[in-house]
Amino acid sequence: GSGTYRVRVHARGRDTAPDGAVDGG
């Protein structure tokens, strides 16, 4: 329910196509 939570965000590849667009999906 409502309240405060902790999230842990993991990321990789953010430098692969910076400012670009990725087709597909």
PDBML (XML) file of the C-alpha atoms, coordinates in Angstrom:
<?xml version="1.0" encoding="UTF-8" ?>
<PDBx:datablock datablockName="MODEL"
   xmlns:PDBx="http://pdbml.pdb.org/schema/pdbx-v50.xsd"
   xmlns:xsi="http://www.w3.org/2001/XMLSchema-instance"
   xsi:schemaLocation="http://pdbml.pdb.org/schema/pdbx-v50.xsd pdbx-v50.xsd">
   <PDBx:atom_siteCategory>
      <PDBx:atom_site id="1">
         <PDBx:B_iso_or_equiv>0.00</PDBx:B_iso_or_equiv>
         <PDBx:Cartn_x>0.000</PDBx:Cartn_x>
         <PDBx:Cartn_y>0.000</PDBx:Cartn_y>
         <PDBx:Cartn_z>0.000</PDBx:Cartn_z>
         <PDBx:auth_asym_id>A</PDBx:auth_asym_id>
         <PDBx:auth_atom_id>CA</PDBx:auth_atom_id>
         <PDBx:auth_comp_id>GLY</PDBx:auth_comp_id>
         <PDBx:auth_seq_id>1</PDBx:auth_seq_id>
         <PDBx:group_PDB>ATOM</PDBx:group_PDB>
         <PDBx:label_alt_id xsi:nil="true" />
         <PDBx:label_asym_id>A</PDBx:label_asym_id>
         <PDBx:label_atom_id>CA</PDBx:label_atom_id>
         <PDBx:label_comp_id>GLY</PDBx:label_comp_id>
         <PDBx:label_entity_id>1</PDBx:label_entity_id>
         <PDBx:label_seq_id>1</PDBx:label_seq_id>
         <PDBx:occupancy>1.00</PDBx:occupancy>
         <PDBx:pdbx_PDB_model_num>1</PDBx:pdbx_PDB_model_num>
         <PDBx:type_symbol>C</PDBx:type_symbol>
      </PDBx:atom_site>
      <PDBx:atom_site id="2">
         <PDBx:B_iso_or_equiv>0.00</PDBx:B_iso_or_equiv>
         <PDBx:Cartn_x>0.901</PDBx:Cartn_x>
         <PDBx:Cartn_y>3.666</PDBx:Cartn_y>
         <PDBx:Cartn_z>0.244</PDBx:Cartn_z>
         <PDBx:auth_asym_id>A</PDBx:auth_asym_id>
         <PDBx:auth_atom_id>CA</PDBx:auth_atom_id>
         <PDBx:auth_comp_id>SER</PDBx:auth_comp_id>
         <PDBx:auth_seq_id>2</PDBx:auth_seq_id>
         <PDBx:group_PDB>ATOM</PDBx:group_PDB>
         <PDBx:label_alt_id xsi:nil="true" />
         <PDBx:label_asym_id>A</PDBx:label_asym_id>
         <PDBx:label_atom_id>CA</PDBx:label_atom_id>
         <PDBx:label_comp_id>SER</PDBx:label_comp_id>
         <PDBx:label_entity_id>1</PDBx:label_entity_id>
         <PDBx:label_seq_id>2</PDBx:label_seq_id>
         <PDBx:occupancy>1.00</PDBx:occupancy>
         <PDBx:pdbx_PDB_model_num>1</PDBx:pdbx_PDB_model_num>
         <PDBx:type_symbol>C</PDBx:type_symbol>
      </PDBx:atom_site>
      <PDBx:atom_site id="3">
         <PDBx:B_iso_or_equiv>0.00</PDBx:B_iso_or_equiv>
         <PDBx:Cartn_x>4.022</PDBx:Cartn_x>
         <PDBx:Cartn_y>4.793</PDBx:Cartn_y>
         <PDBx:Cartn_z>2.051</PDBx:Cartn_z>
         <PDBx:auth_asym_id>A</PDBx:auth_asym_id>
         <PDBx:auth_atom_id>CA</PDBx:auth_atom_id>
         <PDBx:auth_comp_id>GLY</PDBx:auth_comp_id>
         <PDBx:auth_seq_id>3</PDBx:auth_seq_id>
         <PDBx:group_PDB>ATOM</PDBx:group_PDB>
         <PDBx:label_alt_id xsi:nil="true" />
         <PDBx:label_asym_id>A</PDBx:label_asym_id>
         <PDBx:label_atom_id>CA</PDBx:label_atom_id>
         <PDBx:label_comp_id>GLY</PDBx:label_comp_id>
         <PDBx:label_entity_id>1</PDBx:label_entity_id>
         <PDBx:label_seq_id>3</PDBx:label_seq_id>
         <PDBx:occupancy>1.00</PDBx:occupancy>
         <PDBx:pdbx_PDB_model_num>1</PDBx:pdbx_PDB_model_num>
         <PDBx:type_symbol>C</PDBx:type_symbol>
      </PDBx:atom_site>
      <PDBx:atom_site id="4">
         <PDBx:B_iso_or_equiv>0.00</PDBx:B_iso_or_equiv>
         <PDBx:Cartn_x>7.771</PDBx:Cartn_x>
         <PDBx:Cartn_y>5.019</PDBx:Cartn_y>
         <PDBx:Cartn_z>1.549</PDBx:Cartn_z>
         <PDBx:auth_asym_id>A</PDBx:auth_asym_id>
         <PDBx:auth_atom_id>CA</PDBx:auth_atom_id>
         <PDBx:auth_comp_id>THR</PDBx:auth_comp_id>
         <PDBx:auth_seq_id>4</PDBx:auth_seq_id>
         <PDBx:group_PDB>ATOM</PDBx:group_PDB>
         <PDBx:label_alt_id xsi:nil="true" />
         <PDBx:label_asym_id>A</PDBx:label_asym_id>
         <PDBx:label_atom_id>CA</PDBx:label_atom_id>
         <PDBx:label_comp_id>THR</PDBx:label_comp_id>
         <PDBx:label_entity_id>1</PDBx:label_entity_id>
         <PDBx:label_seq_id>4</PDBx:label_seq_id>
         <PDBx:occupancy>1.00</PDBx:occupancy>
         <PDBx:pdbx_PDB_model_num>1</PDBx:pdbx_PDB_model_num>
         <PDBx:type_symbol>C</PDBx:type_symbol>
      </PDBx:atom_site>
      <PDBx:atom_site id="5">
         <PDBx:B_iso_or_equiv>0.00</PDBx:B_iso_or_equiv>
         <PDBx:Cartn_x>9.687</PDBx:Cartn_x>
         <PDBx:Cartn_y>2.278</PDBx:Cartn_y>
         <PDBx:Cartn_z>-0.264</PDBx:Cartn_z>
         <PDBx:auth_asym_id>A</PDBx:auth_asym_id>
         <PDBx:auth_atom_id>CA</PDBx:auth_atom_id>
         <PDBx:auth_comp_id>TYR</PDBx:auth_comp_id>
         <PDBx:auth_seq_id>5</PDBx:auth_seq_id>
         <PDBx:group_PDB>ATOM</PDBx:group_PDB>
         <PDBx:label_alt_id xsi:nil="true" />
         <PDBx:label_asym_id>A</PDBx:label_asym_id>
         <PDBx:label_atom_id>CA</PDBx:label_atom_id>
         <PDBx:label_comp_id>TYR</PDBx:label_comp_id>
         <PDBx:label_entity_id>1</PDBx:label_entity_id>
         <PDBx:label_seq_id>5</PDBx:label_seq_id>
         <PDBx:occupancy>1.00</PDBx:occupancy>
         <PDBx:pdbx_PDB_model_num>1</PDBx:pdbx_PDB_model_num>
         <PDBx:type_symbol>C</PDBx:type_symbol>
      </PDBx:atom_site>
      <PDBx:atom_site id="6">
         <PDBx:B_iso_or_equiv>0.00</PDBx:B_iso_or_equiv>
         <PDBx:Cartn_x>13.259</PDBx:Cartn_x>
         <PDBx:Cartn_y>1.645</PDBx:Cartn_y>
         <PDBx:Cartn_z>-1.384</PDBx:Cartn_z>
         <PDBx:auth_asym_id>A</PDBx:auth_asym_id>
         <PDBx:auth_atom_id>CA</PDBx:auth_atom_id>
         <PDBx:auth_comp_id>ARG</PDBx:auth_comp_id>
         <PDBx:auth_seq_id>6</PDBx:auth_seq_id>
         <PDBx:group_PDB>ATOM</PDBx:group_PDB>
         <PDBx:label_alt_id xsi:nil="true" />
         <PDBx:label_asym_id>A</PDBx:label_asym_id>
         <PDBx:label_atom_id>CA</PDBx:label_atom_id>
         <PDBx:label_comp_id>ARG</PDBx:label_comp_id>
         <PDBx:label_entity_id>1</PDBx:label_entity_id>
         <PDBx:label_seq_id>6</PDBx:label_seq_id>
         <PDBx:occupancy>1.00</PDBx:occupancy>
         <PDBx:pdbx_PDB_model_num>1</PDBx:pdbx_PDB_model_num>
         <PDBx:type_symbol>C</PDBx:type_symbol>
      </PDBx:atom_site>
      <PDBx:atom_site id="7">
         <PDBx:B_iso_or_equiv>0.00</PDBx:B_iso_or_equiv>
         <PDBx:Cartn_x>13.945</PDBx:Cartn_x>
         <PDBx:Cartn_y>0.852</PDBx:Cartn_y>
         <PDBx:Cartn_z>-5.017</PDBx:Cartn_z>
         <PDBx:auth_asym_id>A</PDBx:auth_asym_id>
         <PDBx:auth_atom_id>CA</PDBx:auth_atom_id>
         <PDBx:auth_comp_id>VAL</PDBx:auth_comp_id>
         <PDBx:auth_seq_id>7</PDBx:auth_seq_id>
         <PDBx:group_PDB>ATOM</PDBx:group_PDB>
         <PDBx:label_alt_id xsi:nil="true" />
         <PDBx:label_asym_id>A</PDBx:label_asym_id>
         <PDBx:label_atom_id>CA</PDBx:label_atom_id>
         <PDBx:label_comp_id>VAL</PDBx:label_comp_id>
         <PDBx:label_entity_id>1</PDBx:label_entity_id>
         <PDBx:label_seq_id>7</PDBx:label_seq_id>
         <PDBx:occupancy>1.00</PDBx:occupancy>
         <PDBx:pdbx_PDB_model_num>1</PDBx:pdbx_PDB_model_num>
         <PDBx:type_symbol>C</PDBx:type_symbol>
      </PDBx:atom_site>
      <PDBx:atom_site id="8">
         <PDBx:B_iso_or_equiv>0.00</PDBx:B_iso_or_equiv>
         <PDBx:Cartn_x>17.244</PDBx:Cartn_x>
         <PDBx:Cartn_y>-0.363</PDBx:Cartn_y>
         <PDBx:Cartn_z>-6.367</PDBx:Cartn_z>
         <PDBx:auth_asym_id>A</PDBx:auth_asym_id>
         <PDBx:auth_atom_id>CA</PDBx:auth_atom_id>
         <PDBx:auth_comp_id>ARG</PDBx:auth_comp_id>
         <PDBx:auth_seq_id>8</PDBx:auth_seq_id>
         <PDBx:group_PDB>ATOM</PDBx:group_PDB>
         <PDBx:label_alt_id xsi:nil="true" />
         <PDBx:label_asym_id>A</PDBx:label_asym_id>
         <PDBx:label_atom_id>CA</PDBx:label_atom_id>
         <PDBx:label_comp_id>ARG</PDBx:label_comp_id>
         <PDBx:label_entity_id>1</PDBx:label_entity_id>
         <PDBx:label_seq_id>8</PDBx:label_seq_id>
         <PDBx:occupancy>1.00</PDBx:occupancy>
         <PDBx:pdbx_PDB_model_num>1</PDBx:pdbx_PDB_model_num>
         <PDBx:type_symbol>C</PDBx:type_symbol>
      </PDBx:atom_site>
      <PDBx:atom_site id="9">
         <PDBx:B_iso_or_equiv>0.00</PDBx:B_iso_or_equiv>
         <PDBx:Cartn_x>17.689</PDBx:Cartn_x>
         <PDBx:Cartn_y>0.573</PDBx:Cartn_y>
         <PDBx:Cartn_z>-10.023</PDBx:Cartn_z>
         <PDBx:auth_asym_id>A</PDBx:auth_asym_id>
         <PDBx:auth_atom_id>CA</PDBx:auth_atom_id>
         <PDBx:auth_comp_id>VAL</PDBx:auth_comp_id>
         <PDBx:auth_seq_id>9</PDBx:auth_seq_id>
         <PDBx:group_PDB>ATOM</PDBx:group_PDB>
         <PDBx:label_alt_id xsi:nil="true" />
         <PDBx:label_asym_id>A</PDBx:label_asym_id>
         <PDBx:label_atom_id>CA</PDBx:label_atom_id>
         <PDBx:label_comp_id>VAL</PDBx:label_comp_id>
         <PDBx:label_entity_id>1</PDBx:label_entity_id>
         <PDBx:label_seq_id>9</PDBx:label_seq_id>
         <PDBx:occupancy>1.00</PDBx:occupancy>
         <PDBx:pdbx_PDB_model_num>1</PDBx:pdbx_PDB_model_num>
         <PDBx:type_symbol>C</PDBx:type_symbol>
      </PDBx:atom_site>
      <PDBx:atom_site id="10">
         <PDBx:B_iso_or_equiv>0.00</PDBx:B_iso_or_equiv>
         <PDBx:Cartn_x>20.250</PDBx:Cartn_x>
         <PDBx:Cartn_y>-1.435</PDBx:Cartn_y>
         <PDBx:Cartn_z>-12.031</PDBx:Cartn_z>
         <PDBx:auth_asym_id>A</PDBx:auth_asym_id>
         <PDBx:auth_atom_id>CA</PDBx:auth_atom_id>
         <PDBx:auth_comp_id>HIS</PDBx:auth_comp_id>
         <PDBx:auth_seq_id>10</PDBx:auth_seq_id>
         <PDBx:group_PDB>ATOM</PDBx:group_PDB>
         <PDBx:label_alt_id xsi:nil="true" />
         <PDBx:label_asym_id>A</PDBx:label_asym_id>
         <PDBx:label_atom_id>CA</PDBx:label_atom_id>
         <PDBx:label_comp_id>HIS</PDBx:label_comp_id>
         <PDBx:label_entity_id>1</PDBx:label_entity_id>
         <PDBx:label_seq_id>10</PDBx:label_seq_id>
         <PDBx:occupancy>1.00</PDBx:occupancy>
         <PDBx:pdbx_PDB_model_num>1</PDBx:pdbx_PDB_model_num>
         <PDBx:type_symbol>C</PDBx:type_symbol>
      </PDBx:atom_site>
      <PDBx:atom_site id="11">
         <PDBx:B_iso_or_equiv>0.00</PDBx:B_iso_or_equiv>
         <PDBx:Cartn_x>21.284</PDBx:Cartn_x>
         <PDBx:Cartn_y>-0.225</PDBx:Cartn_y>
         <PDBx:Cartn_z>-15.482</PDBx:Cartn_z>
         <PDBx:auth_asym_id>A</PDBx:auth_asym_id>
         <PDBx:auth_atom_id>CA</PDBx:auth_atom_id>
         <PDBx:auth_comp_id>ALA</PDBx:auth_comp_id>
         <PDBx:auth_seq_id>11</PDBx:auth_seq_id>
         <PDBx:group_PDB>ATOM</PDBx:group_PDB>
         <PDBx:label_alt_id xsi:nil="true" />
         <PDBx:label_asym_id>A</PDBx:label_asym_id>
         <PDBx:label_atom_id>CA</PDBx:label_atom_id>
         <PDBx:label_comp_id>ALA</PDBx:label_comp_id>
         <PDBx:label_entity_id>1</PDBx:label_entity_id>
         <PDBx:label_seq_id>11</PDBx:label_seq_id>
         <PDBx:occupancy>1.00</PDBx:occupancy>
         <PDBx:pdbx_PDB_model_num>1</PDBx:pdbx_PDB_model_num>
         <PDBx:type_symbol>C</PDBx:type_symbol>
      </PDBx:atom_site>
      <PDBx:atom_site id="12">
         <PDBx:B_iso_or_equiv>0.00</PDBx:B_iso_or_equiv>
         <PDBx:Cartn_x>23.661</PDBx:Cartn_x>
         <PDBx:Cartn_y>-1.232</PDBx:Cartn_y>
         <PDBx:Cartn_z>-18.231</PDBx:Cartn_z>
         <PDBx:auth_asym_id>A</PDBx:auth_asym_id>
         <PDBx:auth_atom_id>CA</PDBx:auth_atom_id>
         <PDBx:auth_comp_id>ARG</PDBx:auth_comp_id>
         <PDBx:auth_seq_id>12</PDBx:auth_seq_id>
         <PDBx:group_PDB>ATOM</PDBx:group_PDB>
         <PDBx:label_alt_id xsi:nil="true" />
         <PDBx:label_asym_id>A</PDBx:label_asym_id>
         <PDBx:label_atom_id>CA</PDBx:label_atom_id>
         <PDBx:label_comp_id>ARG</PDBx:label_comp_id>
         <PDBx:label_entity_id>1</PDBx:label_entity_id>
         <PDBx:label_seq_id>12</PDBx:label_seq_id>
         <PDBx:occupancy>1.00</PDBx:occupancy>
         <PDBx:pdbx_PDB_model_num>1</PDBx:pdbx_PDB_model_num>
         <PDBx:type_symbol>C</PDBx:type_symbol>
      </PDBx:atom_site>
      <PDBx:atom_site id="13">
         <PDBx:B_iso_or_equiv>0.00</PDBx:B_iso_or_equiv>
         <PDBx:Cartn_x>24.285</PDBx:Cartn_x>
         <PDBx:Cartn_y>-0.060</PDBx:Cartn_y>
         <PDBx:Cartn_z>-21.777</PDBx:Cartn_z>
         <PDBx:auth_asym_id>A</PDBx:auth_asym_id>
         <PDBx:auth_atom_id>CA</PDBx:auth_atom_id>
         <PDBx:auth_comp_id>GLY</PDBx:auth_comp_id>
         <PDBx:auth_seq_id>13</PDBx:auth_seq_id>
         <PDBx:group_PDB>ATOM</PDBx:group_PDB>
         <PDBx:label_alt_id xsi:nil="true" />
         <PDBx:label_asym_id>A</PDBx:label_asym_id>
         <PDBx:label_atom_id>CA</PDBx:label_atom_id>
         <PDBx:label_comp_id>GLY</PDBx:label_comp_id>
         <PDBx:label_entity_id>1</PDBx:label_entity_id>
         <PDBx:label_seq_id>13</PDBx:label_seq_id>
         <PDBx:occupancy>1.00</PDBx:occupancy>
         <PDBx:pdbx_PDB_model_num>1</PDBx:pdbx_PDB_model_num>
         <PDBx:type_symbol>C</PDBx:type_symbol>
      </PDBx:atom_site>
      <PDBx:atom_site id="14">
         <PDBx:B_iso_or_equiv>0.00</PDBx:B_iso_or_equiv>
         <PDBx:Cartn_x>23.151</PDBx:Cartn_x>
         <PDBx:Cartn_y>3.531</PDBx:Cartn_y>
         <PDBx:Cartn_z>-21.258</PDBx:Cartn_z>
         <PDBx:auth_asym_id>A</PDBx:auth_asym_id>
         <PDBx:auth_atom_id>CA</PDBx:auth_atom_id>
         <PDBx:auth_comp_id>ARG</PDBx:auth_comp_id>
         <PDBx:auth_seq_id>14</PDBx:auth_seq_id>
         <PDBx:group_PDB>ATOM</PDBx:group_PDB>
         <PDBx:label_alt_id xsi:nil="true" />
         <PDBx:label_asym_id>A</PDBx:label_asym_id>
         <PDBx:label_atom_id>CA</PDBx:label_atom_id>
         <PDBx:label_comp_id>ARG</PDBx:label_comp_id>
         <PDBx:label_entity_id>1</PDBx:label_entity_id>
         <PDBx:label_seq_id>14</PDBx:label_seq_id>
         <PDBx:occupancy>1.00</PDBx:occupancy>
         <PDBx:pdbx_PDB_model_num>1</PDBx:pdbx_PDB_model_num>
         <PDBx:type_symbol>C</PDBx:type_symbol>
      </PDBx:atom_site>
      <PDBx:atom_site id="15">
         <PDBx:B_iso_or_equiv>0.00</PDBx:B_iso_or_equiv>
         <PDBx:Cartn_x>26.148</PDBx:Cartn_x>
         <PDBx:Cartn_y>4.664</PDBx:Cartn_y>
         <PDBx:Cartn_z>-23.334</PDBx:Cartn_z>
         <PDBx:auth_asym_id>A</PDBx:auth_asym_id>
         <PDBx:auth_atom_id>CA</PDBx:auth_atom_id>
         <PDBx:auth_comp_id>ASP</PDBx:auth_comp_id>
         <PDBx:auth_seq_id>15</PDBx:auth_seq_id>
         <PDBx:group_PDB>ATOM</PDBx:group_PDB>
         <PDBx:label_alt_id xsi:nil="true" />
         <PDBx:label_asym_id>A</PDBx:label_asym_id>
         <PDBx:label_atom_id>CA</PDBx:label_atom_id>
         <PDBx:label_comp_id>ASP</PDBx:label_comp_id>
         <PDBx:label_entity_id>1</PDBx:label_entity_id>
         <PDBx:label_seq_id>15</PDBx:label_seq_id>
         <PDBx:occupancy>1.00</PDBx:occupancy>
         <PDBx:pdbx_PDB_model_num>1</PDBx:pdbx_PDB_model_num>
         <PDBx:type_symbol>C</PDBx:type_symbol>
      </PDBx:atom_site>
      <PDBx:atom_site id="16">
         <PDBx:B_iso_or_equiv>0.00</PDBx:B_iso_or_equiv>
         <PDBx:Cartn_x>25.346</PDBx:Cartn_x>
         <PDBx:Cartn_y>2.295</PDBx:Cartn_y>
         <PDBx:Cartn_z>-26.228</PDBx:Cartn_z>
         <PDBx:auth_asym_id>A</PDBx:auth_asym_id>
         <PDBx:auth_atom_id>CA</PDBx:auth_atom_id>
         <PDBx:auth_comp_id>THR</PDBx:auth_comp_id>
         <PDBx:auth_seq_id>16</PDBx:auth_seq_id>
         <PDBx:group_PDB>ATOM</PDBx:group_PDB>
         <PDBx:label_alt_id xsi:nil="true" />
         <PDBx:label_asym_id>A</PDBx:label_asym_id>
         <PDBx:label_atom_id>CA</PDBx:label_atom_id>
         <PDBx:label_comp_id>THR</PDBx:label_comp_id>
         <PDBx:label_entity_id>1</PDBx:label_entity_id>
         <PDBx:label_seq_id>16</PDBx:label_seq_id>
         <PDBx:occupancy>1.00</PDBx:occupancy>
         <PDBx:pdbx_PDB_model_num>1</PDBx:pdbx_PDB_model_num>
         <PDBx:type_symbol>C</PDBx:type_symbol>
      </PDBx:atom_site>
      <PDBx:atom_site id="17">
         <PDBx:B_iso_or_equiv>0.00</PDBx:B_iso_or_equiv>
         <PDBx:Cartn_x>23.143</PDBx:Cartn_x>
         <PDBx:Cartn_y>4.689</PDBx:Cartn_y>
         <PDBx:Cartn_z>-28.231</PDBx:Cartn_z>
         <PDBx:auth_asym_id>A</PDBx:auth_asym_id>
         <PDBx:auth_atom_id>CA</PDBx:auth_atom_id>
         <PDBx:auth_comp_id>ALA</PDBx:auth_comp_id>
         <PDBx:auth_seq_id>17</PDBx:auth_seq_id>
         <PDBx:group_PDB>ATOM</PDBx:group_PDB>
         <PDBx:label_alt_id xsi:nil="true" />
         <PDBx:label_asym_id>A</PDBx:label_asym_id>
         <PDBx:label_atom_id>CA</PDBx:label_atom_id>
         <PDBx:label_comp_id>ALA</PDBx:label_comp_id>
         <PDBx:label_entity_id>1</PDBx:label_entity_id>
         <PDBx:label_seq_id>17</PDBx:label_seq_id>
         <PDBx:occupancy>1.00</PDBx:occupancy>
         <PDBx:pdbx_PDB_model_num>1</PDBx:pdbx_PDB_model_num>
         <PDBx:type_symbol>C</PDBx:type_symbol>
      </PDBx:atom_site>
      <PDBx:atom_site id="18">
         <PDBx:B_iso_or_equiv>0.00</PDBx:B_iso_or_equiv>
         <PDBx:Cartn_x>23.153</PDBx:Cartn_x>
         <PDBx:Cartn_y>7.973</PDBx:Cartn_y>
         <PDBx:Cartn_z>-26.337</PDBx:Cartn_z>
         <PDBx:auth_asym_id>A</PDBx:auth_asym_id>
         <PDBx:auth_atom_id>CA</PDBx:auth_atom_id>
         <PDBx:auth_comp_id>PRO</PDBx:auth_comp_id>
         <PDBx:auth_seq_id>18</PDBx:auth_seq_id>
         <PDBx:group_PDB>ATOM</PDBx:group_PDB>
         <PDBx:label_alt_id xsi:nil="true" />
         <PDBx:label_asym_id>A</PDBx:label_asym_id>
         <PDBx:label_atom_id>CA</PDBx:label_atom_id>
         <PDBx:label_comp_id>PRO</PDBx:label_comp_id>
         <PDBx:label_entity_id>1</PDBx:label_entity_id>
         <PDBx:label_seq_id>18</PDBx:label_seq_id>
         <PDBx:occupancy>1.00</PDBx:occupancy>
         <PDBx:pdbx_PDB_model_num>1</PDBx:pdbx_PDB_model_num>
         <PDBx:type_symbol>C</PDBx:type_symbol>
      </PDBx:atom_site>
      <PDBx:atom_site id="19">
         <PDBx:B_iso_or_equiv>0.00</PDBx:B_iso_or_equiv>
         <PDBx:Cartn_x>20.603</PDBx:Cartn_x>
         <PDBx:Cartn_y>10.439</PDBx:Cartn_y>
         <PDBx:Cartn_z>-27.661</PDBx:Cartn_z>
         <PDBx:auth_asym_id>A</PDBx:auth_asym_id>
         <PDBx:auth_atom_id>CA</PDBx:auth_atom_id>
         <PDBx:auth_comp_id>ASP</PDBx:auth_comp_id>
         <PDBx:auth_seq_id>19</PDBx:auth_seq_id>
         <PDBx:group_PDB>ATOM</PDBx:group_PDB>
         <PDBx:label_alt_id xsi:nil="true" />
         <PDBx:label_asym_id>A</PDBx:label_asym_id>
         <PDBx:label_atom_id>CA</PDBx:label_atom_id>
         <PDBx:label_comp_id>ASP</PDBx:label_comp_id>
         <PDBx:label_entity_id>1</PDBx:label_entity_id>
         <PDBx:label_seq_id>19</PDBx:label_seq_id>
         <PDBx:occupancy>1.00</PDBx:occupancy>
         <PDBx:pdbx_PDB_model_num>1</PDBx:pdbx_PDB_model_num>
         <PDBx:type_symbol>C</PDBx:type_symbol>
      </PDBx:atom_site>
      <PDBx:atom_site id="20">
         <PDBx:B_iso_or_equiv>0.00</PDBx:B_iso_or_equiv>
         <PDBx:Cartn_x>19.622</PDBx:Cartn_x>
         <PDBx:Cartn_y>7.945</PDBx:Cartn_y>
         <PDBx:Cartn_z>-30.345</PDBx:Cartn_z>
         <PDBx:auth_asym_id>A</PDBx:auth_asym_id>
         <PDBx:auth_atom_id>CA</PDBx:auth_atom_id>
         <PDBx:auth_comp_id>GLY</PDBx:auth_comp_id>
         <PDBx:auth_seq_id>20</PDBx:auth_seq_id>
         <PDBx:group_PDB>ATOM</PDBx:group_PDB>
         <PDBx:label_alt_id xsi:nil="true" />
         <PDBx:label_asym_id>A</PDBx:label_asym_id>
         <PDBx:label_atom_id>CA</PDBx:label_atom_id>
         <PDBx:label_comp_id>GLY</PDBx:label_comp_id>
         <PDBx:label_entity_id>1</PDBx:label_entity_id>
         <PDBx:label_seq_id>20</PDBx:label_seq_id>
         <PDBx:occupancy>1.00</PDBx:occupancy>
         <PDBx:pdbx_PDB_model_num>1</PDBx:pdbx_PDB_model_num>
         <PDBx:type_symbol>C</PDBx:type_symbol>
      </PDBx:atom_site>
      <PDBx:atom_site id="21">
         <PDBx:B_iso_or_equiv>0.00</PDBx:B_iso_or_equiv>
         <PDBx:Cartn_x>16.553</PDBx:Cartn_x>
         <PDBx:Cartn_y>5.894</PDBx:Cartn_y>
         <PDBx:Cartn_z>-31.027</PDBx:Cartn_z>
         <PDBx:auth_asym_id>A</PDBx:auth_asym_id>
         <PDBx:auth_atom_id>CA</PDBx:auth_atom_id>
         <PDBx:auth_comp_id>ALA</PDBx:auth_comp_id>
         <PDBx:auth_seq_id>21</PDBx:auth_seq_id>
         <PDBx:group_PDB>ATOM</PDBx:group_PDB>
         <PDBx:label_alt_id xsi:nil="true" />
         <PDBx:label_asym_id>A</PDBx:label_asym_id>
         <PDBx:label_atom_id>CA</PDBx:label_atom_id>
         <PDBx:label_comp_id>ALA</PDBx:label_comp_id>
         <PDBx:label_entity_id>1</PDBx:label_entity_id>
         <PDBx:label_seq_id>21</PDBx:label_seq_id>
         <PDBx:occupancy>1.00</PDBx:occupancy>
         <PDBx:pdbx_PDB_model_num>1</PDBx:pdbx_PDB_model_num>
         <PDBx:type_symbol>C</PDBx:type_symbol>
      </PDBx:atom_site>
      <PDBx:atom_site id="22">
         <PDBx:B_iso_or_equiv>0.00</PDBx:B_iso_or_equiv>
         <PDBx:Cartn_x>16.322</PDBx:Cartn_x>
         <PDBx:Cartn_y>2.131</PDBx:Cartn_y>
         <PDBx:Cartn_z>-30.885</PDBx:Cartn_z>
         <PDBx:auth_asym_id>A</PDBx:auth_asym_id>
         <PDBx:auth_atom_id>CA</PDBx:auth_atom_id>
         <PDBx:auth_comp_id>VAL</PDBx:auth_comp_id>
         <PDBx:auth_seq_id>22</PDBx:auth_seq_id>
         <PDBx:group_PDB>ATOM</PDBx:group_PDB>
         <PDBx:label_alt_id xsi:nil="true" />
         <PDBx:label_asym_id>A</PDBx:label_asym_id>
         <PDBx:label_atom_id>CA</PDBx:label_atom_id>
         <PDBx:label_comp_id>VAL</PDBx:label_comp_id>
         <PDBx:label_entity_id>1</PDBx:label_entity_id>
         <PDBx:label_seq_id>22</PDBx:label_seq_id>
         <PDBx:occupancy>1.00</PDBx:occupancy>
         <PDBx:pdbx_PDB_model_num>1</PDBx:pdbx_PDB_model_num>
         <PDBx:type_symbol>C</PDBx:type_symbol>
      </PDBx:atom_site>
      <PDBx:atom_site id="23">
         <PDBx:B_iso_or_equiv>0.00</PDBx:B_iso_or_equiv>
         <PDBx:Cartn_x>13.878</PDBx:Cartn_x>
         <PDBx:Cartn_y>0.503</PDBx:Cartn_y>
         <PDBx:Cartn_z>-33.286</PDBx:Cartn_z>
         <PDBx:auth_asym_id>A</PDBx:auth_asym_id>
         <PDBx:auth_atom_id>CA</PDBx:auth_atom_id>
         <PDBx:auth_comp_id>ASP</PDBx:auth_comp_id>
         <PDBx:auth_seq_id>23</PDBx:auth_seq_id>
         <PDBx:group_PDB>ATOM</PDBx:group_PDB>
         <PDBx:label_alt_id xsi:nil="true" />
         <PDBx:label_asym_id>A</PDBx:label_asym_id>
         <PDBx:label_atom_id>CA</PDBx:label_atom_id>
         <PDBx:label_comp_id>ASP</PDBx:label_comp_id>
         <PDBx:label_entity_id>1</PDBx:label_entity_id>
         <PDBx:label_seq_id>23</PDBx:label_seq_id>
         <PDBx:occupancy>1.00</PDBx:occupancy>
         <PDBx:pdbx_PDB_model_num>1</PDBx:pdbx_PDB_model_num>
         <PDBx:type_symbol>C</PDBx:type_symbol>
      </PDBx:atom_site>
      <PDBx:atom_site id="24">
         <PDBx:B_iso_or_equiv>0.00</PDBx:B_iso_or_equiv>
         <PDBx:Cartn_x>12.019</PDBx:Cartn_x>
         <PDBx:Cartn_y>-2.663</PDBx:Cartn_y>
         <PDBx:Cartn_z>-32.492</PDBx:Cartn_z>
         <PDBx:auth_asym_id>A</PDBx:auth_asym_id>
         <PDBx:auth_atom_id>CA</PDBx:auth_atom_id>
         <PDBx:auth_comp_id>GLY</PDBx:auth_comp_id>
         <PDBx:auth_seq_id>24</PDBx:auth_seq_id>
         <PDBx:group_PDB>ATOM</PDBx:group_PDB>
         <PDBx:label_alt_id xsi:nil="true" />
         <PDBx:label_asym_id>A</PDBx:label_asym_id>
         <PDBx:label_atom_id>CA</PDBx:label_atom_id>
         <PDBx:label_comp_id>GLY</PDBx:label_comp_id>
         <PDBx:label_entity_id>1</PDBx:label_entity_id>
         <PDBx:label_seq_id>24</PDBx:label_seq_id>
         <PDBx:occupancy>1.00</PDBx:occupancy>
         <PDBx:pdbx_PDB_model_num>1</PDBx:pdbx_PDB_model_num>
         <PDBx:type_symbol>C</PDBx:type_symbol>
      </PDBx:atom_site>
      <PDBx:atom_site id="25">
         <PDBx:B_iso_or_equiv>0.00</PDBx:B_iso_or_equiv>
         <PDBx:Cartn_x>9.513</PDBx:Cartn_x>
         <PDBx:Cartn_y>-3.596</PDBx:Cartn_y>
         <PDBx:Cartn_z>-29.872</PDBx:Cartn_z>
         <PDBx:auth_asym_id>A</PDBx:auth_asym_id>
         <PDBx:auth_atom_id>CA</PDBx:auth_atom_id>
         <PDBx:auth_comp_id>GLY</PDBx:auth_comp_id>
         <PDBx:auth_seq_id>25</PDBx:auth_seq_id>
         <PDBx:group_PDB>ATOM</PDBx:group_PDB>
         <PDBx:label_alt_id xsi:nil="true" />
         <PDBx:label_asym_id>A</PDBx:label_asym_id>
         <PDBx:label_atom_id>CA</PDBx:label_atom_id>
         <PDBx:label_comp_id>GLY</PDBx:label_comp_id>
         <PDBx:label_entity_id>1</PDBx:label_entity_id>
         <PDBx:label_seq_id>25</PDBx:label_seq_id>
         <PDBx:occupancy>1.00</PDBx:occupancy>
         <PDBx:pdbx_PDB_model_num>1</PDBx:pdbx_PDB_model_num>
         <PDBx:type_symbol>C</PDBx:type_symbol>
      </PDBx:atom_site>
   </PDBx:atom_siteCategory>
</PDBx:datablock>
